[in-house]
């Protein structure tokens, strides 16, 4: 089994499209298709179901994707380890980040890293924390800055970055604006703006309302912080957000209201990393730029 075949297979699986995968890899589509067919012959199984518009993984393809991603990550780590012994830092660093993660300014961090290590190609993926942690587990990301609420997949460890309370964010004309505090149970009739389900902040909020035995209506679901702030600014709903979101310049005209029991409802930010032996030199170098964190790393066994 050639590594090139695995690389081509992973590209098609991630893009769900042969043409886009070929463009991403800068190879001909015919060569890419031939490589995938050769891999299917070797494995004796179809890996994709092809339609005129989309490509979907078969059961065999889904099983192969996780292992192929890990294999490619291990090969990349091996090359980087050899380069590190020679005093070089090169290759690729794949980083994930949820928006507005406390404890780190991702653009400044990556800018410093690239300035000091120009031979390393830096890639960034922005998504919800649940998806990013899965990417770290599968070897598609070297590390990710996430806000995790609950357990993590096997083989992923979490290094704490920061902890922030959740607050209520609303329009200045909203009846709760200027309130000293807000009760979770009193918010059940409100219309909410919130992030998608795989965001760490959404999971914290959902758990808090469940603990208060209060149902709520999320009428507007977004996938970025600025859209959430704009919707609230137009009076379309309220939101429960981590304090760093409420402190953003774009939210200056909105009202922030503390929540009762906020100390028991914390948004926790982490660096998600693979197991020690799978953490490459470039990822370790990026981690060295972060302030020391004294709490121990969480693993699947210790995640709540």
C-alpha atoms as a PDB file:
ATOM      1  CA  UNK A   1       0.000   0.000   0.000  1.00  0.00           C
ATOM      2  CA  UNK A   2       1.571   3.274  -1.115  1.00  0.00           C
ATOM      3  CA  UNK A   3       1.408   6.379   1.051  1.00  0.00           C
ATOM      4  CA  UNK A   4       0.456   8.354  -2.053  1.00  0.00           C
ATOM      5  CA  UNK A   5      -2.676   6.210  -2.399  1.00  0.00           C
ATOM      6  CA  UNK A   6      -3.634   6.947   1.200  1.00  0.00           C
ATOM      7  CA  UNK A   7      -2.991  10.663   0.755  1.00  0.00           C
ATOM      8  CA  UNK A   8      -5.202  10.774  -2.329  1.00  0.00           C
ATOM      9  CA  UNK A   9      -7.916   8.742  -0.600  1.00  0.00           C
ATOM     10  CA  UNK A  10      -7.971  11.088   2.425  1.00  0.00           C
ATOM     11  CA  UNK A  11      -8.176  14.163   0.190  1.00  0.00           C
ATOM     12  CA  UNK A  12     -11.205  12.768  -1.655  1.00  0.00           C
ATOM     13  CA  UNK A  13     -12.827  11.704   1.632  1.00  0.00           C
ATOM     14  CA  UNK A  14     -12.421  15.180   3.113  1.00  0.00           C
ATOM     15  CA  UNK A  15     -13.445  17.103   0.006  1.00  0.00           C
ATOM     16  CA  UNK A  16     -16.239  14.665  -0.958  1.00  0.00           C
ATOM     17  CA  UNK A  17     -15.342  15.520  -4.542  1.00  0.00           C
ATOM     18  CA  UNK A  18     -12.683  14.180  -6.940  1.00  0.00           C
ATOM     19  CA  UNK A  19     -12.142  17.436  -8.818  1.00  0.00           C
ATOM     20  CA  UNK A  20     -11.673  19.516  -5.669  1.00  0.00           C
ATOM     21  CA  UNK A  21      -9.359  16.870  -4.199  1.00  0.00           C
ATOM     22  CA  UNK A  22      -7.234  16.893  -7.357  1.00  0.00           C
ATOM     23  CA  UNK A  23      -7.037  20.694  -7.262  1.00  0.00           C
ATOM     24  CA  UNK A  24      -6.041  20.600  -3.602  1.00  0.00           C
ATOM     25  CA  UNK A  25      -3.272  18.088  -4.295  1.00  0.00           C
ATOM     26  CA  UNK A  26      -2.293  19.769  -7.580  1.00  0.00           C
ATOM     27  CA  UNK A  27      -2.521  16.489  -9.514  1.00  0.00           C
ATOM     28  CA  UNK A  28      -4.586  15.412 -12.512  1.00  0.00           C
ATOM     29  CA  UNK A  29      -8.065  14.089 -11.782  1.00  0.00           C
ATOM     30  CA  UNK A  30      -7.393  11.003 -13.894  1.00  0.00           C
ATOM     31  CA  UNK A  31      -4.285  10.192 -11.859  1.00  0.00           C
ATOM     32  CA  UNK A  32      -6.206  10.700  -8.621  1.00  0.00           C
ATOM     33  CA  UNK A  33      -9.038   8.424  -9.756  1.00  0.00           C
ATOM     34  CA  UNK A  34      -6.577   5.752 -10.873  1.00  0.00           C
ATOM     35  CA  UNK A  35      -4.865   5.868  -7.489  1.00  0.00           C
ATOM     36  CA  UNK A  36      -8.161   5.422  -5.633  1.00  0.00           C
ATOM     37  CA  UNK A  37      -9.146   2.518  -7.894  1.00  0.00           C
ATOM     38  CA  UNK A  38      -5.779   0.865  -7.242  1.00  0.00           C
ATOM     39  CA  UNK A  39      -6.336   1.193  -3.501  1.00  0.00           C
ATOM     40  CA  UNK A  40      -9.828  -0.291  -3.814  1.00  0.00           C
ATOM     41  CA  UNK A  41      -8.442  -3.259  -5.780  1.00  0.00           C
ATOM     42  CA  UNK A  42      -5.751  -3.847  -3.176  1.00  0.00           C
ATOM     43  CA  UNK A  43      -8.245  -3.753  -0.312  1.00  0.00           C
ATOM     44  CA  UNK A  44     -10.926  -5.661  -2.182  1.00  0.00           C
ATOM     45  CA  UNK A  45     -13.615  -3.154  -1.241  1.00  0.00           C
ATOM     46  CA  UNK A  46     -15.295  -0.072  -2.646  1.00  0.00           C
ATOM     47  CA  UNK A  47     -14.328   3.027  -0.697  1.00  0.00           C
ATOM     48  CA  UNK A  48     -16.663   5.589  -2.267  1.00  0.00           C
ATOM     49  CA  UNK A  49     -20.158   5.778  -3.675  1.00  0.00           C
ATOM     50  CA  UNK A  50     -19.928   8.168  -6.618  1.00  0.00           C
ATOM     51  CA  UNK A  51     -22.846  10.278  -7.877  1.00  0.00           C
ATOM     52  CA  UNK A  52     -22.955  13.075 -10.427  1.00  0.00           C
ATOM     53  CA  UNK A  53     -22.762  15.722  -7.718  1.00  0.00           C
ATOM     54  CA  UNK A  54     -21.143  14.195  -4.665  1.00  0.00           C
ATOM     55  CA  UNK A  55     -18.916  11.430  -3.368  1.00  0.00           C
ATOM     56  CA  UNK A  56     -19.817   9.557  -0.184  1.00  0.00           C
ATOM     57  CA  UNK A  57     -17.768   7.106   1.863  1.00  0.00           C
ATOM     58  CA  UNK A  58     -18.852   3.490   2.052  1.00  0.00           C
ATOM     59  CA  UNK A  59     -18.635   1.602   5.319  1.00  0.00           C
ATOM     60  CA  UNK A  60     -15.201   0.341   4.295  1.00  0.00           C
ATOM     61  CA  UNK A  61     -14.145   3.878   3.384  1.00  0.00           C
ATOM     62  CA  UNK A  62     -15.252   5.216   6.748  1.00  0.00           C
ATOM     63  CA  UNK A  63     -13.246   2.515   8.521  1.00  0.00           C
ATOM     64  CA  UNK A  64     -10.173   3.282   6.427  1.00  0.00           C
ATOM     65  CA  UNK A  65     -10.338   7.070   6.839  1.00  0.00           C
ATOM     66  CA  UNK A  66      -9.454   7.155  10.536  1.00  0.00           C
ATOM     67  CA  UNK A  67      -6.555   4.727  10.137  1.00  0.00           C
ATOM     68  CA  UNK A  68      -5.269   6.407   6.959  1.00  0.00           C
ATOM     69  CA  UNK A  69      -5.302   9.819   8.666  1.00  0.00           C
ATOM     70  CA  UNK A  70      -3.348   8.428  11.615  1.00  0.00           C
ATOM     71  CA  UNK A  71      -0.853   6.716   9.302  1.00  0.00           C
ATOM     72  CA  UNK A  72      -0.191   9.926   7.358  1.00  0.00           C
ATOM     73  CA  UNK A  73       0.163  11.870  10.598  1.00  0.00           C
ATOM     74  CA  UNK A  74       2.693   9.329  11.875  1.00  0.00           C
ATOM     75  CA  UNK A  75       4.719   9.569   8.670  1.00  0.00           C
ATOM     76  CA  UNK A  76       4.707  13.364   8.910  1.00  0.00           C
ATOM     77  CA  UNK A  77       5.785  13.172  12.553  1.00  0.00           C
ATOM     78  CA  UNK A  78       8.622  10.796  11.652  1.00  0.00           C
ATOM     79  CA  UNK A  79       9.959  13.199   9.026  1.00  0.00           C
ATOM     80  CA  UNK A  80       9.720  16.101  11.456  1.00  0.00           C
ATOM     81  CA  UNK A  81      11.523  14.110  14.167  1.00  0.00           C
ATOM     82  CA  UNK A  82      14.460  13.444  11.841  1.00  0.00           C
ATOM     83  CA  UNK A  83      14.582  17.112  10.885  1.00  0.00           C
ATOM     84  CA  UNK A  84      14.510  18.098  14.563  1.00  0.00           C
ATOM     85  CA  UNK A  85      17.541  15.899  15.290  1.00  0.00           C
ATOM     86  CA  UNK A  86      19.341  17.816  12.554  1.00  0.00           C
ATOM     87  CA  UNK A  87      18.437  21.093  14.220  1.00  0.00           C
ATOM     88  CA  UNK A  88      15.749  21.929  11.669  1.00  0.00           C
ATOM     89  CA  UNK A  89      12.058  22.597  12.052  1.00  0.00           C
ATOM     90  CA  UNK A  90      10.181  22.058   8.809  1.00  0.00           C
ATOM     91  CA  UNK A  91       7.153  20.356   7.379  1.00  0.00           C
ATOM     92  CA  UNK A  92       3.582  21.233   8.250  1.00  0.00           C
ATOM     93  CA  UNK A  93       1.683  22.349  11.339  1.00  0.00           C
ATOM     94  CA  UNK A  94      -2.090  21.853  11.217  1.00  0.00           C
ATOM     95  CA  UNK A  95      -3.897  23.891  13.884  1.00  0.00           C
ATOM     96  CA  UNK A  96      -7.581  24.062  14.758  1.00  0.00           C
ATOM     97  CA  UNK A  97      -9.372  26.762  16.741  1.00  0.00           C
ATOM     98  CA  UNK A  98     -12.839  27.596  17.902  1.00  0.00           C
ATOM     99  CA  UNK A  99     -13.544  31.330  17.746  1.00  0.00           C
ATOM    100  CA  UNK A 100     -12.671  33.543  20.733  1.00  0.00           C
ATOM    101  CA  UNK A 101     -10.985  30.835  22.815  1.00  0.00           C
ATOM    102  CA  UNK A 102      -9.811  32.359  26.086  1.00  0.00           C
ATOM    103  CA  UNK A 103      -6.163  32.241  27.095  1.00  0.00           C
ATOM    104  CA  UNK A 104      -4.656  32.537  23.596  1.00  0.00           C
ATOM    105  CA  UNK A 105      -4.666  35.004  20.691  1.00  0.00           C
ATOM    106  CA  UNK A 106      -4.401  32.556  17.820  1.00  0.00           C
ATOM    107  CA  UNK A 107      -3.498  34.985  14.969  1.00  0.00           C
ATOM    108  CA  UNK A 108      -0.641  36.535  16.972  1.00  0.00           C
ATOM    109  CA  UNK A 109       0.579  33.103  18.071  1.00  0.00           C
ATOM    110  CA  UNK A 110       0.676  31.749  14.527  1.00  0.00           C
ATOM    111  CA  UNK A 111       2.283  34.929  13.188  1.00  0.00           C
ATOM    112  CA  UNK A 112       5.130  34.619  15.686  1.00  0.00           C
ATOM    113  CA  UNK A 113       5.583  30.931  14.908  1.00  0.00           C
ATOM    114  CA  UNK A 114       5.714  31.477  11.153  1.00  0.00           C
ATOM    115  CA  UNK A 115       8.156  34.390  11.519  1.00  0.00           C
ATOM    116  CA  UNK A 116      10.521  32.234  13.590  1.00  0.00           C
ATOM    117  CA  UNK A 117      10.033  29.008  11.582  1.00  0.00           C
ATOM    118  CA  UNK A 118       9.451  29.951   7.916  1.00  0.00           C
ATOM    119  CA  UNK A 119      10.195  26.390   6.747  1.00  0.00           C
ATOM    120  CA  UNK A 120       7.030  25.123   8.448  1.00  0.00           C
ATOM    121  CA  UNK A 121       3.778  25.469   6.503  1.00  0.00           C
ATOM    122  CA  UNK A 122       1.023  26.535   8.896  1.00  0.00           C
ATOM    123  CA  UNK A 123      -2.575  25.496   8.214  1.00  0.00           C
ATOM    124  CA  UNK A 124      -5.572  26.648  10.264  1.00  0.00           C
ATOM    125  CA  UNK A 125      -9.072  25.174  10.492  1.00  0.00           C
ATOM    126  CA  UNK A 126     -11.822  27.002  12.368  1.00  0.00           C
ATOM    127  CA  UNK A 127     -14.794  24.938  13.551  1.00  0.00           C
ATOM    128  CA  UNK A 128     -16.711  23.850  16.620  1.00  0.00           C
ATOM    129  CA  UNK A 129     -14.735  22.238  19.415  1.00  0.00           C
ATOM    130  CA  UNK A 130     -16.301  18.787  19.087  1.00  0.00           C
ATOM    131  CA  UNK A 131     -15.280  18.537  15.427  1.00  0.00           C
ATOM    132  CA  UNK A 132     -11.786  19.853  16.157  1.00  0.00           C
ATOM    133  CA  UNK A 133     -11.173  17.320  18.933  1.00  0.00           C
ATOM    134  CA  UNK A 134     -12.216  14.529  16.555  1.00  0.00           C
ATOM    135  CA  UNK A 135      -9.726  15.887  14.000  1.00  0.00           C
ATOM    136  CA  UNK A 136      -6.947  15.751  16.590  1.00  0.00           C
ATOM    137  CA  UNK A 137      -7.896  12.173  17.472  1.00  0.00           C
ATOM    138  CA  UNK A 138      -7.851  11.185  13.784  1.00  0.00           C
ATOM    139  CA  UNK A 139      -4.490  12.847  13.129  1.00  0.00           C
ATOM    140  CA  UNK A 140      -5.918  15.515  10.799  1.00  0.00           C
ATOM    141  CA  UNK A 141      -4.821  18.272  13.200  1.00  0.00           C
ATOM    142  CA  UNK A 142      -1.611  18.493  15.240  1.00  0.00           C
ATOM    143  CA  UNK A 143      -3.364  20.465  17.974  1.00  0.00           C
ATOM    144  CA  UNK A 144      -6.489  22.560  18.496  1.00  0.00           C
ATOM    145  CA  UNK A 145      -7.573  25.389  20.781  1.00  0.00           C
ATOM    146  CA  UNK A 146     -10.973  24.301  22.025  1.00  0.00           C
ATOM    147  CA  UNK A 147     -13.648  24.757  24.657  1.00  0.00           C
ATOM    148  CA  UNK A 148     -14.659  21.249  25.652  1.00  0.00           C
ATOM    149  CA  UNK A 149     -17.622  20.301  27.803  1.00  0.00           C
ATOM    150  CA  UNK A 150     -17.655  16.593  28.587  1.00  0.00           C
ATOM    151  CA  UNK A 151     -15.463  13.677  27.549  1.00  0.00           C
ATOM    152  CA  UNK A 152     -12.874  13.502  24.797  1.00  0.00           C
ATOM    153  CA  UNK A 153     -11.989  10.669  22.378  1.00  0.00           C
ATOM    154  CA  UNK A 154      -9.388   8.084  23.283  1.00  0.00           C
ATOM    155  CA  UNK A 155      -5.874   9.249  22.477  1.00  0.00           C
ATOM    156  CA  UNK A 156      -6.562  12.954  23.046  1.00  0.00           C
ATOM    157  CA  UNK A 157      -5.271  14.917  26.011  1.00  0.00           C
ATOM    158  CA  UNK A 158      -6.383  18.390  27.101  1.00  0.00           C
ATOM    159  CA  UNK A 159      -4.014  21.026  28.497  1.00  0.00           C
ATOM    160  CA  UNK A 160      -5.940  23.746  30.385  1.00  0.00           C
ATOM    161  CA  UNK A 161      -5.691  27.337  29.133  1.00  0.00           C
ATOM    162  CA  UNK A 162      -8.336  29.404  30.929  1.00  0.00           C
ATOM    163  CA  UNK A 163     -11.718  29.367  32.670  1.00  0.00           C
ATOM    164  CA  UNK A 164     -14.386  32.030  32.158  1.00  0.00           C
ATOM    165  CA  UNK A 165     -17.956  32.470  33.463  1.00  0.00           C
ATOM    166  CA  UNK A 166     -20.973  32.508  31.164  1.00  0.00           C
ATOM    167  CA  UNK A 167     -22.972  35.766  30.987  1.00  0.00           C
ATOM    168  CA  UNK A 168     -26.222  36.933  29.442  1.00  0.00           C
ATOM    169  CA  UNK A 169     -25.905  39.224  26.412  1.00  0.00           C
ATOM    170  CA  UNK A 170     -28.916  41.284  25.306  1.00  0.00           C
ATOM    171  CA  UNK A 171     -30.045  44.431  23.487  1.00  0.00           C
ATOM    172  CA  UNK A 172     -30.109  47.646  25.593  1.00  0.00           C
ATOM    173  CA  UNK A 173     -33.911  47.821  25.162  1.00  0.00           C
ATOM    174  CA  UNK A 174     -34.458  44.311  26.468  1.00  0.00           C
ATOM    175  CA  UNK A 175     -36.264  44.100  29.856  1.00  0.00           C
ATOM    176  CA  UNK A 176     -33.262  42.304  31.378  1.00  0.00           C
ATOM    177  CA  UNK A 177     -30.802  45.048  30.379  1.00  0.00           C
ATOM    178  CA  UNK A 178     -29.347  46.605  33.496  1.00  0.00           C
ATOM    179  CA  UNK A 179     -30.530  43.787  35.776  1.00  0.00           C
ATOM    180  CA  UNK A 180     -28.225  42.956  38.658  1.00  0.00           C
ATOM    181  CA  UNK A 181     -28.392  39.237  37.857  1.00  0.00           C
ATOM    182  CA  UNK A 182     -30.472  36.813  35.795  1.00  0.00           C
ATOM    183  CA  UNK A 183     -31.888  33.460  36.891  1.00  0.00           C
ATOM    184  CA  UNK A 184     -31.528  30.539  34.490  1.00  0.00           C
ATOM    185  CA  UNK A 185     -35.058  29.344  35.203  1.00  0.00           C
ATOM    186  CA  UNK A 186     -36.497  32.789  34.377  1.00  0.00           C
ATOM    187  CA  UNK A 187     -35.174  32.663  30.796  1.00  0.00           C
ATOM    188  CA  UNK A 188     -37.340  29.847  29.487  1.00  0.00           C
ATOM    189  CA  UNK A 189     -39.714  32.121  27.541  1.00  0.00           C
ATOM    190  CA  UNK A 190     -36.943  34.096  25.820  1.00  0.00           C
ATOM    191  CA  UNK A 191     -35.915  33.763  22.175  1.00  0.00           C
ATOM    192  CA  UNK A 192     -32.274  32.720  21.969  1.00  0.00           C
ATOM    193  CA  UNK A 193     -29.438  33.220  19.531  1.00  0.00           C
ATOM    194  CA  UNK A 194     -26.826  30.503  19.984  1.00  0.00           C
ATOM    195  CA  UNK A 195     -23.951  28.673  18.371  1.00  0.00           C
ATOM    196  CA  UNK A 196     -24.253  25.332  16.635  1.00  0.00           C
ATOM    197  CA  UNK A 197     -24.392  22.189  18.714  1.00  0.00           C
ATOM    198  CA  UNK A 198     -20.690  21.240  18.453  1.00  0.00           C
ATOM    199  CA  UNK A 199     -19.458  24.533  19.932  1.00  0.00           C
ATOM    200  CA  UNK A 200     -18.152  24.334  23.491  1.00  0.00           C
ATOM    201  CA  UNK A 201     -20.165  27.366  24.608  1.00  0.00           C
ATOM    202  CA  UNK A 202     -23.410  25.842  23.317  1.00  0.00           C
ATOM    203  CA  UNK A 203     -22.797  22.636  25.228  1.00  0.00           C
ATOM    204  CA  UNK A 204     -22.124  24.522  28.467  1.00  0.00           C
ATOM    205  CA  UNK A 205     -25.341  26.526  28.020  1.00  0.00           C
ATOM    206  CA  UNK A 206     -27.424  23.453  27.175  1.00  0.00           C
ATOM    207  CA  UNK A 207     -26.162  21.663  30.272  1.00  0.00           C
ATOM    208  CA  UNK A 208     -26.882  24.687  32.477  1.00  0.00           C
ATOM    209  CA  UNK A 209     -30.491  24.918  31.302  1.00  0.00           C
ATOM    210  CA  UNK A 210     -30.905  21.161  31.724  1.00  0.00           C
ATOM    211  CA  UNK A 211     -29.608  21.441  35.299  1.00  0.00           C
ATOM    212  CA  UNK A 212     -32.128  24.244  35.914  1.00  0.00           C
ATOM    213  CA  UNK A 213     -34.847  22.025  34.405  1.00  0.00           C
ATOM    214  CA  UNK A 214     -35.735  24.816  32.015  1.00  0.00           C
ATOM    215  CA  UNK A 215     -36.522  24.397  28.340  1.00  0.00           C
ATOM    216  CA  UNK A 216     -35.559  27.182  25.953  1.00  0.00           C
ATOM    217  CA  UNK A 217     -36.074  28.036  22.304  1.00  0.00           C
ATOM    218  CA  UNK A 218     -33.008  28.575  20.106  1.00  0.00           C
ATOM    219  CA  UNK A 219     -34.561  30.328  17.126  1.00  0.00           C
ATOM    220  CA  UNK A 220     -31.365  31.610  15.515  1.00  0.00           C
ATOM    221  CA  UNK A 221     -28.371  29.287  15.265  1.00  0.00           C
ATOM    222  CA  UNK A 222     -25.058  30.660  13.979  1.00  0.00           C
ATOM    223  CA  UNK A 223     -21.526  29.468  13.342  1.00  0.00           C
ATOM    224  CA  UNK A 224     -19.556  32.610  14.134  1.00  0.00           C
ATOM    225  CA  UNK A 225     -19.321  35.117  16.967  1.00  0.00           C
ATOM    226  CA  UNK A 226     -19.881  38.260  14.912  1.00  0.00           C
ATOM    227  CA  UNK A 227     -23.188  37.018  13.491  1.00  0.00           C
ATOM    228  CA  UNK A 228     -24.390  36.233  17.005  1.00  0.00           C
ATOM    229  CA  UNK A 229     -23.505  39.751  18.185  1.00  0.00           C
ATOM    230  CA  UNK A 230     -25.204  41.355  15.172  1.00  0.00           C
ATOM    231  CA  UNK A 231     -28.424  39.405  15.649  1.00  0.00           C
ATOM    232  CA  UNK A 232     -28.602  40.429  19.293  1.00  0.00           C
ATOM    233  CA  UNK A 233     -27.821  44.017  18.282  1.00  0.00           C
ATOM    234  CA  UNK A 234     -30.903  43.985  16.052  1.00  0.00           C
ATOM    235  CA  UNK A 235     -33.053  42.794  18.946  1.00  0.00           C
ATOM    236  CA  UNK A 236     -33.725  39.360  17.484  1.00  0.00           C
ATOM    237  CA  UNK A 237     -32.901  37.448  20.657  1.00  0.00           C
ATOM    238  CA  UNK A 238     -30.651  37.095  23.664  1.00  0.00           C
ATOM    239  CA  UNK A 239     -27.683  34.787  24.213  1.00  0.00           C
ATOM    240  CA  UNK A 240     -25.691  33.142  26.980  1.00  0.00           C
ATOM    241  CA  UNK A 241     -22.031  33.466  26.014  1.00  0.00           C
ATOM    242  CA  UNK A 242     -18.563  33.181  27.559  1.00  0.00           C
ATOM    243  CA  UNK A 243     -17.431  36.499  29.046  1.00  0.00           C
ATOM    244  CA  UNK A 244     -14.689  37.038  26.377  1.00  0.00           C
ATOM    245  CA  UNK A 245     -17.417  37.173  23.713  1.00  0.00           C
ATOM    246  CA  UNK A 246     -19.329  39.833  25.655  1.00  0.00           C
ATOM    247  CA  UNK A 247     -16.094  41.818  26.029  1.00  0.00           C
ATOM    248  CA  UNK A 248     -15.459  42.053  22.290  1.00  0.00           C
ATOM    249  CA  UNK A 249     -15.432  45.542  20.800  1.00  0.00           C
ATOM    250  CA  UNK A 250     -18.323  44.645  18.500  1.00  0.00           C
ATOM    251  CA  UNK A 251     -20.495  43.917  21.564  1.00  0.00           C
ATOM    252  CA  UNK A 252     -19.793  47.247  23.291  1.00  0.00           C
ATOM    253  CA  UNK A 253     -23.311  48.580  22.612  1.00  0.00           C
ATOM    254  CA  UNK A 254     -24.982  45.493  24.099  1.00  0.00           C
ATOM    255  CA  UNK A 255     -25.758  44.810  27.752  1.00  0.00           C
ATOM    256  CA  UNK A 256     -24.026  42.118  29.788  1.00  0.00           C
ATOM    257  CA  UNK A 257     -25.894  40.617  32.736  1.00  0.00           C
ATOM    258  CA  UNK A 258     -24.288  38.201  35.242  1.00  0.00           C
ATOM    259  CA  UNK A 259     -26.025  34.871  35.778  1.00  0.00           C
ATOM    260  CA  UNK A 260     -26.903  33.403  39.159  1.00  0.00           C
ATOM    261  CA  UNK A 261     -24.556  30.522  39.926  1.00  0.00           C
ATOM    262  CA  UNK A 262     -22.051  31.596  37.258  1.00  0.00           C
ATOM    263  CA  UNK A 263     -19.203  30.129  39.305  1.00  0.00           C
ATOM    264  CA  UNK A 264     -20.756  26.700  38.789  1.00  0.00           C
ATOM    265  CA  UNK A 265     -21.142  27.215  35.031  1.00  0.00           C
ATOM    266  CA  UNK A 266     -17.712  27.825  33.575  1.00  0.00           C
ATOM    267  CA  UNK A 267     -16.502  27.827  29.984  1.00  0.00           C
ATOM    268  CA  UNK A 268     -13.134  26.050  29.979  1.00  0.00           C
ATOM    269  CA  UNK A 269     -10.576  26.486  27.219  1.00  0.00           C
ATOM    270  CA  UNK A 270      -7.922  23.861  26.433  1.00  0.00           C
ATOM    271  CA  UNK A 271      -5.262  22.876  23.971  1.00  0.00           C
ATOM    272  CA  UNK A 272      -6.306  19.506  22.533  1.00  0.00           C
ATOM    273  CA  UNK A 273      -3.286  17.338  21.724  1.00  0.00           C
ATOM    274  CA  UNK A 274      -2.668  13.763  20.650  1.00  0.00           C
ATOM    275  CA  UNK A 275      -0.888  11.383  22.988  1.00  0.00           C
ATOM    276  CA  UNK A 276       2.682  12.360  23.916  1.00  0.00           C
ATOM    277  CA  UNK A 277       4.339  10.072  21.390  1.00  0.00           C
ATOM    278  CA  UNK A 278       2.233  11.487  18.549  1.00  0.00           C
ATOM    279  CA  UNK A 279       2.883  15.170  19.296  1.00  0.00           C
ATOM    280  CA  UNK A 280       5.315  16.421  16.656  1.00  0.00           C
ATOM    281  CA  UNK A 281       8.211  18.870  17.083  1.00  0.00           C
ATOM    282  CA  UNK A 282       6.349  21.762  15.432  1.00  0.00           C
ATOM    283  CA  UNK A 283       3.378  21.339  17.774  1.00  0.00           C
ATOM    284  CA  UNK A 284       5.676  21.167  20.797  1.00  0.00           C
ATOM    285  CA  UNK A 285       7.430  24.338  19.646  1.00  0.00           C
ATOM    286  CA  UNK A 286       4.114  26.178  19.297  1.00  0.00           C
ATOM    287  CA  UNK A 287       3.123  25.041  22.790  1.00  0.00           C
ATOM    288  CA  UNK A 288       6.352  26.520  24.164  1.00  0.00           C
ATOM    289  CA  UNK A 289       5.026  29.967  23.213  1.00  0.00           C
ATOM    290  CA  UNK A 290       2.083  29.622  25.589  1.00  0.00           C
ATOM    291  CA  UNK A 291       2.217  30.602  29.275  1.00  0.00           C
ATOM    292  CA  UNK A 292       2.796  27.677  31.599  1.00  0.00           C
ATOM    293  CA  UNK A 293      -0.359  26.010  32.844  1.00  0.00           C
ATOM    294  CA  UNK A 294      -0.141  24.309  36.197  1.00  0.00           C
ATOM    295  CA  UNK A 295      -3.295  22.101  36.175  1.00  0.00           C
ATOM    296  CA  UNK A 296      -2.667  18.576  34.869  1.00  0.00           C
ATOM    297  CA  UNK A 297      -3.701  17.585  31.383  1.00  0.00           C
ATOM    298  CA  UNK A 298      -7.032  15.793  31.067  1.00  0.00           C
ATOM    299  CA  UNK A 299      -7.346  12.566  29.121  1.00  0.00           C
ATOM    300  CA  UNK A 300     -10.304  10.438  28.178  1.00  0.00           C
ATOM    301  CA  UNK A 301     -10.036   8.574  31.456  1.00  0.00           C
ATOM    302  CA  UNK A 302     -10.262  11.768  33.533  1.00  0.00           C
ATOM    303  CA  UNK A 303     -12.765  13.701  31.408  1.00  0.00           C
ATOM    304  CA  UNK A 304     -16.115  14.273  32.974  1.00  0.00           C
END
